[in-house]
Amino acid sequence: YKNDFTELGILGRGGGGEVVKVRNRLDKRIYAIKKIPLLEEKGRFAKSGAEQNRKIRREVTTISRMTHKNIVRYYQAWVEDGKAENDSANNSKCDLVNENK
């Protein structure tokens, strides 16, 4: 994520994560990325973590299929391992949507 994008600011925060405004280093376009922390799927909370992460992945699948004039276009999603700078979770799922129409 940090290699591909330059963060320009936070667009919003909520219970499901945060949306940041970024510039792609390669194509120089502006995008909004929704960053969602994934829960741990081992240990004491393995079952609830796995269930929550399943719901998040289902949301990604659903959004990727949607096309509507009032819904921002979806481009891709990915999962990153490791603790990123300023992230409170070990993994995060990111949705890439284009702000340019």
PDB file of N, CA and C in Angstrom:
ATOM      1  N   TYR A   1       0.830  -1.198   0.000  1.00  0.00           N
ATOM      2  CA  TYR A   1       0.000   0.000   0.000  1.00  0.00           C
ATOM      3  C   TYR A   1       0.869   1.255   0.000  1.00  0.00           C
ATOM      4  N   LYS A   2       1.801   1.307   0.941  1.00  0.00           N
ATOM      5  CA  LYS A   2       2.660   2.498   1.051  1.00  0.00           C
ATOM      6  C   LYS A   2       3.565   2.669  -0.168  1.00  0.00           C
ATOM      7  N   ASN A   3       3.888   1.570  -0.863  1.00  0.00           N
ATOM      8  CA  ASN A   3       4.719   1.656  -2.061  1.00  0.00           C
ATOM      9  C   ASN A   3       3.947   2.146  -3.274  1.00  0.00           C
ATOM     10  N   ASP A   4       2.630   1.922  -3.285  1.00  0.00           N
ATOM     11  CA  ASP A   4       1.817   2.244  -4.454  1.00  0.00           C
ATOM     12  C   ASP A   4       1.053   3.562  -4.355  1.00  0.00           C
ATOM     13  N   PHE A   5       0.829   4.046  -3.130  1.00  0.00           N
ATOM     14  CA  PHE A   5      -0.021   5.220  -2.944  1.00  0.00           C
ATOM     15  C   PHE A   5       0.612   6.234  -1.996  1.00  0.00           C
ATOM     16  N   THR A   6       0.271   7.500  -2.208  1.00  0.00           N
ATOM     17  CA  THR A   6       0.609   8.577  -1.296  1.00  0.00           C
ATOM     18  C   THR A   6      -0.682   9.028  -0.640  1.00  0.00           C
ATOM     19  N   GLU A   7      -0.757   8.974   0.685  1.00  0.00           N
ATOM     20  CA  GLU A   7      -1.969   9.404   1.399  1.00  0.00           C
ATOM     21  C   GLU A   7      -2.062  10.920   1.388  1.00  0.00           C
ATOM     22  N   LEU A   8      -3.253  11.415   1.047  1.00  0.00           N
ATOM     23  CA  LEU A   8      -3.496  12.852   0.983  1.00  0.00           C
ATOM     24  C   LEU A   8      -4.381  13.333   2.125  1.00  0.00           C
ATOM     25  N   GLY A   9      -5.052  12.416   2.810  1.00  0.00           N
ATOM     26  CA  GLY A   9      -5.898  12.803   3.935  1.00  0.00           C
ATOM     27  C   GLY A   9      -6.966  11.764   4.205  1.00  0.00           C
ATOM     28  N   ILE A  10      -7.588  11.905   5.349  1.00  0.00           N
ATOM     29  CA  ILE A  10      -8.669  11.001   5.738  1.00  0.00           C
ATOM     30  C   ILE A  10      -9.990  11.597   5.288  1.00  0.00           C
ATOM     31  N   LEU A  11     -10.806  10.800   4.604  1.00  0.00           N
ATOM     32  CA  LEU A  11     -12.113  11.251   4.140  1.00  0.00           C
ATOM     33  C   LEU A  11     -13.213  10.929   5.139  1.00  0.00           C
ATOM     34  N   GLY A  12     -13.018   9.870   5.929  1.00  0.00           N
ATOM     35  CA  GLY A  12     -14.027   9.508   6.915  1.00  0.00           C
ATOM     36  C   GLY A  12     -13.599   8.315   7.743  1.00  0.00           C
ATOM     37  N   ARG A  13     -14.236   8.189   8.916  1.00  0.00           N
ATOM     38  CA  ARG A  13     -13.987   7.063   9.814  1.00  0.00           C
ATOM     39  C   ARG A  13     -15.315   6.529  10.300  1.00  0.00           C
ATOM     40  N   GLY A  14     -15.321   5.236  10.581  1.00  0.00           N
ATOM     41  CA  GLY A  14     -16.526   4.618  11.109  1.00  0.00           C
ATOM     42  C   GLY A  14     -16.194   3.325  11.801  1.00  0.00           C
ATOM     43  N   GLY A  15     -17.237   2.595  12.189  1.00  0.00           N
ATOM     44  CA  GLY A  15     -17.047   1.339  12.887  1.00  0.00           C
ATOM     45  C   GLY A  15     -16.344   0.294  12.051  1.00  0.00           C
ATOM     46  N   GLY A  16     -16.424   0.414  10.737  1.00  0.00           N
ATOM     47  CA  GLY A  16     -15.808  -0.564   9.852  1.00  0.00           C
ATOM     48  C   GLY A  16     -14.425  -0.217   9.377  1.00  0.00           C
ATOM     49  N   GLY A  17     -13.881   0.893   9.800  1.00  0.00           N
ATOM     50  CA  GLY A  17     -12.552   1.284   9.358  1.00  0.00           C
ATOM     51  C   GLY A  17     -12.515   2.742   8.976  1.00  0.00           C
ATOM     52  N   GLU A  18     -11.645   3.068   8.032  1.00  0.00           N
ATOM     53  CA  GLU A  18     -11.525   4.456   7.582  1.00  0.00           C
ATOM     54  C   GLU A  18     -11.351   4.506   6.076  1.00  0.00           C
ATOM     55  N   VAL A  19     -11.719   5.647   5.503  1.00  0.00           N
ATOM     56  CA  VAL A  19     -11.555   5.889   4.077  1.00  0.00           C
ATOM     57  C   VAL A  19     -10.543   7.014   3.922  1.00  0.00           C
ATOM     58  N   VAL A  20      -9.508   6.758   3.122  1.00  0.00           N
ATOM     59  CA  VAL A  20      -8.459   7.746   2.921  1.00  0.00           C
ATOM     60  C   VAL A  20      -8.393   8.149   1.454  1.00  0.00           C
ATOM     61  N   LYS A  21      -8.035   9.395   1.232  1.00  0.00           N
ATOM     62  CA  LYS A  21      -7.820   9.909  -0.115  1.00  0.00           C
ATOM     63  C   LYS A  21      -6.344   9.696  -0.436  1.00  0.00           C
ATOM     64  N   VAL A  22      -6.084   9.077  -1.596  1.00  0.00           N
ATOM     65  CA  VAL A  22      -4.711   8.757  -1.974  1.00  0.00           C
ATOM     66  C   VAL A  22      -4.449   9.134  -3.425  1.00  0.00           C
ATOM     67  N   ARG A  23      -3.174   9.248  -3.751  1.00  0.00           N
ATOM     68  CA  ARG A  23      -2.754   9.420  -5.142  1.00  0.00           C
ATOM     69  C   ARG A  23      -1.913   8.196  -5.499  1.00  0.00           C
ATOM     70  N   ASN A  24      -2.262   7.558  -6.615  1.00  0.00           N
ATOM     71  CA  ASN A  24      -1.502   6.415  -7.090  1.00  0.00           C
ATOM     72  C   ASN A  24      -0.162   6.915  -7.632  1.00  0.00           C
ATOM     73  N   ARG A  25       0.924   6.318  -7.189  1.00  0.00           N
ATOM     74  CA  ARG A  25       2.259   6.766  -7.602  1.00  0.00           C
ATOM     75  C   ARG A  25       2.517   6.508  -9.085  1.00  0.00           C
ATOM     76  N   LEU A  26       1.862   5.498  -9.663  1.00  0.00           N
ATOM     77  CA  LEU A  26       2.100   5.150 -11.058  1.00  0.00           C
ATOM     78  C   LEU A  26       1.241   5.967 -12.017  1.00  0.00           C
ATOM     79  N   ASP A  27      -0.081   5.954 -11.838  1.00  0.00           N
ATOM     80  CA  ASP A  27      -0.962   6.644 -12.791  1.00  0.00           C
ATOM     81  C   ASP A  27      -1.320   8.067 -12.378  1.00  0.00           C
ATOM     82  N   LYS A  28      -0.887   8.477 -11.166  1.00  0.00           N
ATOM     83  CA  LYS A  28      -1.080   9.850 -10.648  1.00  0.00           C
ATOM     84  C   LYS A  28      -2.546  10.216 -10.428  1.00  0.00           C
ATOM     85  N   ARG A  29      -3.453   9.235 -10.477  1.00  0.00           N
ATOM     86  CA  ARG A  29      -4.872   9.517 -10.264  1.00  0.00           C
ATOM     87  C   ARG A  29      -5.202   9.495  -8.781  1.00  0.00           C
ATOM     88  N   ILE A  30      -6.297  10.175  -8.443  1.00  0.00           N
ATOM     89  CA  ILE A  30      -6.777  10.240  -7.064  1.00  0.00           C
ATOM     90  C   ILE A  30      -7.784   9.117  -6.839  1.00  0.00           C
ATOM     91  N   TYR A  31      -7.649   8.409  -5.705  1.00  0.00           N
ATOM     92  CA  TYR A  31      -8.545   7.321  -5.345  1.00  0.00           C
ATOM     93  C   TYR A  31      -8.968   7.473  -3.888  1.00  0.00           C
ATOM     94  N   ALA A  32     -10.061   6.834  -3.544  1.00  0.00           N
ATOM     95  CA  ALA A  32     -10.470   6.680  -2.147  1.00  0.00           C
ATOM     96  C   ALA A  32     -10.262   5.214  -1.797  1.00  0.00           C
ATOM     97  N   ILE A  33      -9.586   4.958  -0.699  1.00  0.00           N
ATOM     98  CA  ILE A  33      -9.347   3.589  -0.261  1.00  0.00           C
ATOM     99  C   ILE A  33      -9.993   3.388   1.095  1.00  0.00           C
ATOM    100  N   LYS A  34     -10.811   2.351   1.182  1.00  0.00           N
ATOM    101  CA  LYS A  34     -11.447   1.977   2.441  1.00  0.00           C
ATOM    102  C   LYS A  34     -10.563   0.937   3.117  1.00  0.00           C
ATOM    103  N   LYS A  35     -10.014   1.285   4.273  1.00  0.00           N
ATOM    104  CA  LYS A  35      -9.132   0.378   5.011  1.00  0.00           C
ATOM    105  C   LYS A  35      -9.915  -0.225   6.174  1.00  0.00           C
ATOM    106  N   ILE A  36     -10.001  -1.555   6.167  1.00  0.00           N
ATOM    107  CA  ILE A  36     -10.774  -2.264   7.183  1.00  0.00           C
ATOM    108  C   ILE A  36      -9.841  -3.233   7.916  1.00  0.00           C
ATOM    109  N   PRO A  37      -9.662  -3.061   9.213  1.00  0.00           N
ATOM    110  CA  PRO A  37      -8.817  -4.015   9.950  1.00  0.00           C
ATOM    111  C   PRO A  37      -9.506  -5.375  10.065  1.00  0.00           C
ATOM    112  N   LEU A  38      -8.766  -6.430   9.780  1.00  0.00           N
ATOM    113  CA  LEU A  38      -9.275  -7.787   9.946  1.00  0.00           C
ATOM    114  C   LEU A  38      -8.953  -8.269  11.350  1.00  0.00           C
ATOM    115  N   LEU A  39      -9.804  -9.130  11.865  1.00  0.00           N
ATOM    116  CA  LEU A  39      -9.622  -9.652  13.214  1.00  0.00           C
ATOM    117  C   LEU A  39      -8.747 -10.891  13.210  1.00  0.00           C
ATOM    118  N   GLU A  40      -8.147 -11.162  14.352  1.00  0.00           N
ATOM    119  CA  GLU A  40      -7.314 -12.350  14.534  1.00  0.00           C
ATOM    120  C   GLU A  40      -8.181 -13.601  14.388  1.00  0.00           C
ATOM    121  N   GLU A  41      -7.694 -14.598  13.673  1.00  0.00           N
ATOM    122  CA  GLU A  41      -8.460 -15.820  13.459  1.00  0.00           C
ATOM    123  C   GLU A  41      -7.845 -17.008  14.190  1.00  0.00           C
ATOM    124  N   LYS A  42      -7.133 -16.734  15.267  1.00  0.00           N
ATOM    125  CA  LYS A  42      -6.584 -17.814  16.083  1.00  0.00           C
ATOM    126  C   LYS A  42      -6.650 -17.387  17.544  1.00  0.00           C
ATOM    127  N   GLY A  43      -6.482 -18.334  18.403  1.00  0.00           N
ATOM    128  CA  GLY A  43      -6.529 -18.028  19.824  1.00  0.00           C
ATOM    129  C   GLY A  43      -7.939 -17.996  20.363  1.00  0.00           C
ATOM    130  N   ARG A  44      -8.119 -17.243  21.422  1.00  0.00           N
ATOM    131  CA  ARG A  44      -9.381 -17.172  22.155  1.00  0.00           C
ATOM    132  C   ARG A  44     -10.569 -16.711  21.322  1.00  0.00           C
ATOM    133  N   PHE A  45     -10.331 -15.791  20.409  1.00  0.00           N
ATOM    134  CA  PHE A  45     -11.422 -15.202  19.629  1.00  0.00           C
ATOM    135  C   PHE A  45     -11.433 -15.678  18.183  1.00  0.00           C
ATOM    136  N   ALA A  46     -10.894 -16.864  17.942  1.00  0.00           N
ATOM    137  CA  ALA A  46     -10.771 -17.384  16.578  1.00  0.00           C
ATOM    138  C   ALA A  46     -12.113 -17.466  15.865  1.00  0.00           C
ATOM    139  N   LYS A  47     -13.124 -18.005  16.533  1.00  0.00           N
ATOM    140  CA  LYS A  47     -14.426 -18.206  15.894  1.00  0.00           C
ATOM    141  C   LYS A  47     -15.088 -16.875  15.527  1.00  0.00           C
ATOM    142  N   SER A  48     -15.105 -15.942  16.463  1.00  0.00           N
ATOM    143  CA  SER A  48     -15.744 -14.644  16.173  1.00  0.00           C
ATOM    144  C   SER A  48     -14.933 -13.847  15.156  1.00  0.00           C
ATOM    145  N   GLY A  49     -13.602 -13.945  15.220  1.00  0.00           N
ATOM    146  CA  GLY A  49     -12.764 -13.257  14.241  1.00  0.00           C
ATOM    147  C   GLY A  49     -12.979 -13.785  12.842  1.00  0.00           C
ATOM    148  N   ALA A  50     -13.039 -15.113  12.722  1.00  0.00           N
ATOM    149  CA  ALA A  50     -13.258 -15.727  11.414  1.00  0.00           C
ATOM    150  C   ALA A  50     -14.620 -15.345  10.849  1.00  0.00           C
ATOM    151  N   GLU A  51     -15.633 -15.311  11.702  1.00  0.00           N
ATOM    152  CA  GLU A  51     -16.988 -14.940  11.252  1.00  0.00           C
ATOM    153  C   GLU A  51     -17.030 -13.487  10.778  1.00  0.00           C
ATOM    154  N   GLN A  52     -16.421 -12.596  11.536  1.00  0.00           N
ATOM    155  CA  GLN A  52     -16.398 -11.181  11.148  1.00  0.00           C
ATOM    156  C   GLN A  52     -15.641 -10.984   9.836  1.00  0.00           C
ATOM    157  N   ASN A  53     -14.514 -11.651   9.698  1.00  0.00           N
ATOM    158  CA  ASN A  53     -13.728 -11.536   8.467  1.00  0.00           C
ATOM    159  C   ASN A  53     -14.484 -12.111   7.269  1.00  0.00           C
ATOM    160  N   ARG A  54     -15.272 -13.168   7.491  1.00  0.00           N
ATOM    161  CA  ARG A  54     -16.103 -13.741   6.427  1.00  0.00           C
ATOM    162  C   ARG A  54     -17.124 -12.708   5.945  1.00  0.00           C
ATOM    163  N   LYS A  55     -17.718 -11.976   6.884  1.00  0.00           N
ATOM    164  CA  LYS A  55     -18.691 -10.933   6.530  1.00  0.00           C
ATOM    165  C   LYS A  55     -18.027  -9.819   5.727  1.00  0.00           C
ATOM    166  N   ILE A  56     -16.821  -9.453   6.110  1.00  0.00           N
ATOM    167  CA  ILE A  56     -16.089  -8.406   5.387  1.00  0.00           C
ATOM    168  C   ILE A  56     -15.797  -8.862   3.961  1.00  0.00           C
ATOM    169  N   ARG A  57     -15.353 -10.097   3.807  1.00  0.00           N
ATOM    170  CA  ARG A  57     -15.066 -10.619   2.469  1.00  0.00           C
ATOM    171  C   ARG A  57     -16.335 -10.706   1.619  1.00  0.00           C
ATOM    172  N   ARG A  58     -17.463 -11.037   2.248  1.00  0.00           N
ATOM    173  CA  ARG A  58     -18.738 -11.075   1.536  1.00  0.00           C
ATOM    174  C   ARG A  58     -19.115  -9.669   1.058  1.00  0.00           C
ATOM    175  N   GLU A  59     -18.860  -8.663   1.884  1.00  0.00           N
ATOM    176  CA  GLU A  59     -19.121  -7.274   1.482  1.00  0.00           C
ATOM    177  C   GLU A  59     -18.288  -6.899   0.259  1.00  0.00           C
ATOM    178  N   VAL A  60     -17.024  -7.296   0.240  1.00  0.00           N
ATOM    179  CA  VAL A  60     -16.155  -7.009  -0.903  1.00  0.00           C
ATOM    180  C   VAL A  60     -16.726  -7.637  -2.172  1.00  0.00           C
ATOM    181  N   THR A  61     -17.146  -8.884  -2.076  1.00  0.00           N
ATOM    182  CA  THR A  61     -17.716  -9.583  -3.228  1.00  0.00           C
ATOM    183  C   THR A  61     -18.981  -8.882  -3.719  1.00  0.00           C
ATOM    184  N   THR A  62     -19.839  -8.494  -2.799  1.00  0.00           N
ATOM    185  CA  THR A  62     -21.089  -7.814  -3.158  1.00  0.00           C
ATOM    186  C   THR A  62     -20.814  -6.473  -3.823  1.00  0.00           C
ATOM    187  N   ILE A  63     -19.956  -5.662  -3.225  1.00  0.00           N
ATOM    188  CA  ILE A  63     -19.651  -4.338  -3.780  1.00  0.00           C
ATOM    189  C   ILE A  63     -19.005  -4.454  -5.150  1.00  0.00           C
ATOM    190  N   SER A  64     -18.169  -5.460  -5.350  1.00  0.00           N
ATOM    191  CA  SER A  64     -17.482  -5.608  -6.636  1.00  0.00           C
ATOM    192  C   SER A  64     -18.456  -5.872  -7.783  1.00  0.00           C
ATOM    193  N   ARG A  65     -19.641  -6.363  -7.471  1.00  0.00           N
ATOM    194  CA  ARG A  65     -20.635  -6.681  -8.500  1.00  0.00           C
ATOM    195  C   ARG A  65     -21.616  -5.543  -8.750  1.00  0.00           C
ATOM    196  N   MET A  66     -21.590  -4.516  -7.934  1.00  0.00           N
ATOM    197  CA  MET A  66     -22.577  -3.443  -8.028  1.00  0.00           C
ATOM    198  C   MET A  66     -22.188  -2.408  -9.074  1.00  0.00           C
ATOM    199  N   THR A  67     -23.171  -1.984  -9.842  1.00  0.00           N
ATOM    200  CA  THR A  67     -23.000  -0.859 -10.758  1.00  0.00           C
ATOM    201  C   THR A  67     -24.246   0.011 -10.652  1.00  0.00           C
ATOM    202  N   HIS A  68     -24.051   1.224 -10.220  1.00  0.00           N
ATOM    203  CA  HIS A  68     -25.159   2.159 -10.053  1.00  0.00           C
ATOM    204  C   HIS A  68     -24.588   3.564 -10.096  1.00  0.00           C
ATOM    205  N   LYS A  69     -25.340   4.503 -10.626  1.00  0.00           N
ATOM    206  CA  LYS A  69     -24.840   5.871 -10.768  1.00  0.00           C
ATOM    207  C   LYS A  69     -24.542   6.541  -9.419  1.00  0.00           C
ATOM    208  N   ASN A  70     -25.151   6.079  -8.335  1.00  0.00           N
ATOM    209  CA  ASN A  70     -24.929   6.675  -7.017  1.00  0.00           C
ATOM    210  C   ASN A  70     -23.934   5.903  -6.154  1.00  0.00           C
ATOM    211  N   ILE A  71     -23.287   4.896  -6.733  1.00  0.00           N
ATOM    212  CA  ILE A  71     -22.295   4.119  -6.011  1.00  0.00           C
ATOM    213  C   ILE A  71     -20.938   4.330  -6.672  1.00  0.00           C
ATOM    214  N   VAL A  72     -19.944   4.662  -5.859  1.00  0.00           N
ATOM    215  CA  VAL A  72     -18.599   4.888  -6.383  1.00  0.00           C
ATOM    216  C   VAL A  72     -18.084   3.595  -6.996  1.00  0.00           C
ATOM    217  N   ARG A  73     -17.418   3.700  -8.129  1.00  0.00           N
ATOM    218  CA  ARG A  73     -16.926   2.516  -8.830  1.00  0.00           C
ATOM    219  C   ARG A  73     -15.876   1.777  -8.009  1.00  0.00           C
ATOM    220  N   TYR A  74     -15.998   0.478  -7.991  1.00  0.00           N
ATOM    221  CA  TYR A  74     -15.079  -0.412  -7.278  1.00  0.00           C
ATOM    222  C   TYR A  74     -14.002  -0.883  -8.247  1.00  0.00           C
ATOM    223  N   TYR A  75     -12.748  -0.902  -7.787  1.00  0.00           N
ATOM    224  CA  TYR A  75     -11.663  -1.375  -8.636  1.00  0.00           C
ATOM    225  C   TYR A  75     -11.060  -2.684  -8.151  1.00  0.00           C
ATOM    226  N   GLN A  76     -10.642  -2.754  -6.903  1.00  0.00           N
ATOM    227  CA  GLN A  76     -10.018  -3.981  -6.417  1.00  0.00           C
ATOM    228  C   GLN A  76      -9.949  -3.984  -4.898  1.00  0.00           C
ATOM    229  N   ALA A  77      -9.628  -5.153  -4.357  1.00  0.00           N
ATOM    230  CA  ALA A  77      -9.418  -5.306  -2.921  1.00  0.00           C
ATOM    231  C   ALA A  77      -8.198  -6.183  -2.715  1.00  0.00           C
ATOM    232  N   TRP A  78      -7.544  -6.015  -1.585  1.00  0.00           N
ATOM    233  CA  TRP A  78      -6.404  -6.857  -1.259  1.00  0.00           C
ATOM    234  C   TRP A  78      -6.263  -6.939   0.249  1.00  0.00           C
ATOM    235  N   VAL A  79      -5.528  -7.942   0.692  1.00  0.00           N
ATOM    236  CA  VAL A  79      -5.257  -8.122   2.112  1.00  0.00           C
ATOM    237  C   VAL A  79      -3.764  -7.990   2.306  1.00  0.00           C
ATOM    238  N   GLU A  80      -3.379  -7.223   3.314  1.00  0.00           N
ATOM    239  CA  GLU A  80      -1.967  -7.046   3.632  1.00  0.00           C
ATOM    240  C   GLU A  80      -1.666  -7.664   4.981  1.00  0.00           C
ATOM    241  N   ASP A  81      -0.567  -8.386   5.059  1.00  0.00           N
ATOM    242  CA  ASP A  81      -0.108  -8.951   6.322  1.00  0.00           C
ATOM    243  C   ASP A  81       0.944  -8.043   6.928  1.00  0.00           C
ATOM    244  N   GLY A  82       1.080  -8.131   8.225  1.00  0.00           N
ATOM    245  CA  GLY A  82       2.091  -7.342   8.906  1.00  0.00           C
ATOM    246  C   GLY A  82       1.509  -6.082   9.481  1.00  0.00           C
ATOM    247  N   LYS A  83       2.191  -5.540  10.429  1.00  0.00           N
ATOM    248  CA  LYS A  83       1.725  -4.334  11.100  1.00  0.00           C
ATOM    249  C   LYS A  83       2.210  -3.116  10.326  1.00  0.00           C
ATOM    250  N   ALA A  84       1.289  -2.411   9.727  1.00  0.00           N
ATOM    251  CA  ALA A  84       1.626  -1.212   8.964  1.00  0.00           C
ATOM    252  C   ALA A  84       1.725  -0.015   9.893  1.00  0.00           C
ATOM    253  N   GLU A  85       2.333   1.016   9.403  1.00  0.00           N
ATOM    254  CA  GLU A  85       2.482   2.249  10.161  1.00  0.00           C
ATOM    255  C   GLU A  85       1.123   2.782  10.596  1.00  0.00           C
ATOM    256  N   ASN A  86       0.963   3.090  11.858  1.00  0.00           N
ATOM    257  CA  ASN A  86      -0.255   3.660  12.431  1.00  0.00           C
ATOM    258  C   ASN A  86      -1.468   2.746  12.339  1.00  0.00           C
ATOM    259  N   ASP A  87      -1.297   1.463  12.028  1.00  0.00           N
ATOM    260  CA  ASP A  87      -2.418   0.531  11.993  1.00  0.00           C
ATOM    261  C   ASP A  87      -2.504  -0.193  13.321  1.00  0.00           C
ATOM    262  N   SER A  88      -3.712  -0.401  13.826  1.00  0.00           N
ATOM    263  CA  SER A  88      -3.889  -1.091  15.091  1.00  0.00           C
ATOM    264  C   SER A  88      -4.116  -2.578  14.896  1.00  0.00           C
ATOM    265  N   ALA A  89      -4.289  -3.007  13.665  1.00  0.00           N
ATOM    266  CA  ALA A  89      -4.533  -4.427  13.394  1.00  0.00           C
ATOM    267  C   ALA A  89      -3.363  -5.018  12.625  1.00  0.00           C
ATOM    268  N   ASN A  90      -3.219  -6.329  12.701  1.00  0.00           N
ATOM    269  CA  ASN A  90      -2.137  -6.991  11.978  1.00  0.00           C
ATOM    270  C   ASN A  90      -2.430  -7.108  10.492  1.00  0.00           C
ATOM    271  N   ASN A  91      -3.675  -7.142  10.126  1.00  0.00           N
ATOM    272  CA  ASN A  91      -4.063  -7.266   8.722  1.00  0.00           C
ATOM    273  C   ASN A  91      -5.071  -6.178   8.406  1.00  0.00           C
ATOM    274  N   SER A  92      -5.070  -5.751   7.178  1.00  0.00           N
ATOM    275  CA  SER A  92      -6.126  -4.838   6.760  1.00  0.00           C
ATOM    276  C   SER A  92      -6.541  -5.173   5.341  1.00  0.00           C
ATOM    277  N   LYS A  93      -7.815  -4.981   5.099  1.00  0.00           N
ATOM    278  CA  LYS A  93      -8.380  -5.194   3.778  1.00  0.00           C
ATOM    279  C   LYS A  93      -8.643  -3.823   3.209  1.00  0.00           C
ATOM    280  N   CYS A  94      -8.263  -3.617   1.956  1.00  0.00           N
ATOM    281  CA  CYS A  94      -8.440  -2.311   1.349  1.00  0.00           C
ATOM    282  C   CYS A  94      -9.273  -2.417   0.097  1.00  0.00           C
ATOM    283  N   ASP A  95     -10.239  -1.538  -0.044  1.00  0.00           N
ATOM    284  CA  ASP A  95     -11.013  -1.425  -1.277  1.00  0.00           C
ATOM    285  C   ASP A  95     -10.508  -0.198  -2.011  1.00  0.00           C
ATOM    286  N   LEU A  96     -10.243  -0.335  -3.282  1.00  0.00           N
ATOM    287  CA  LEU A  96      -9.784   0.778  -4.085  1.00  0.00           C
ATOM    288  C   LEU A  96     -10.916   1.264  -4.962  1.00  0.00           C
ATOM    289  N   VAL A  97     -11.288   2.522  -4.789  1.00  0.00           N
ATOM    290  CA  VAL A  97     -12.338   3.113  -5.618  1.00  0.00           C
ATOM    291  C   VAL A  97     -11.816   4.412  -6.172  1.00  0.00           C
ATOM    292  N   ASN A  98     -12.184   4.734  -7.400  1.00  0.00           N
ATOM    293  CA  ASN A  98     -11.701   5.926  -8.067  1.00  0.00           C
ATOM    294  C   ASN A  98     -12.584   7.122  -7.742  1.00  0.00           C
ATOM    295  N   GLU A  99     -11.970   8.216  -7.334  1.00  0.00           N
ATOM    296  CA  GLU A  99     -12.718   9.435  -7.035  1.00  0.00           C
ATOM    297  C   GLU A  99     -13.014  10.203  -8.313  1.00  0.00           C
ATOM    298  N   ASN A 100     -12.207  10.014  -9.342  1.00  0.00           N
ATOM    299  CA  ASN A 100     -12.407  10.725 -10.614  1.00  0.00           C
ATOM    300  C   ASN A 100     -13.552  10.094 -11.379  1.00  0.00           C
ATOM    301  N   LYS A 101     -14.419  10.898 -11.910  1.00  0.00           N
ATOM    302  CA  LYS A 101     -15.565  10.381 -12.692  1.00  0.00           C
ATOM    303  C   LYS A 101     -15.255  10.471 -14.165  1.00  0.00           C
TER     304      LYS A 101
END
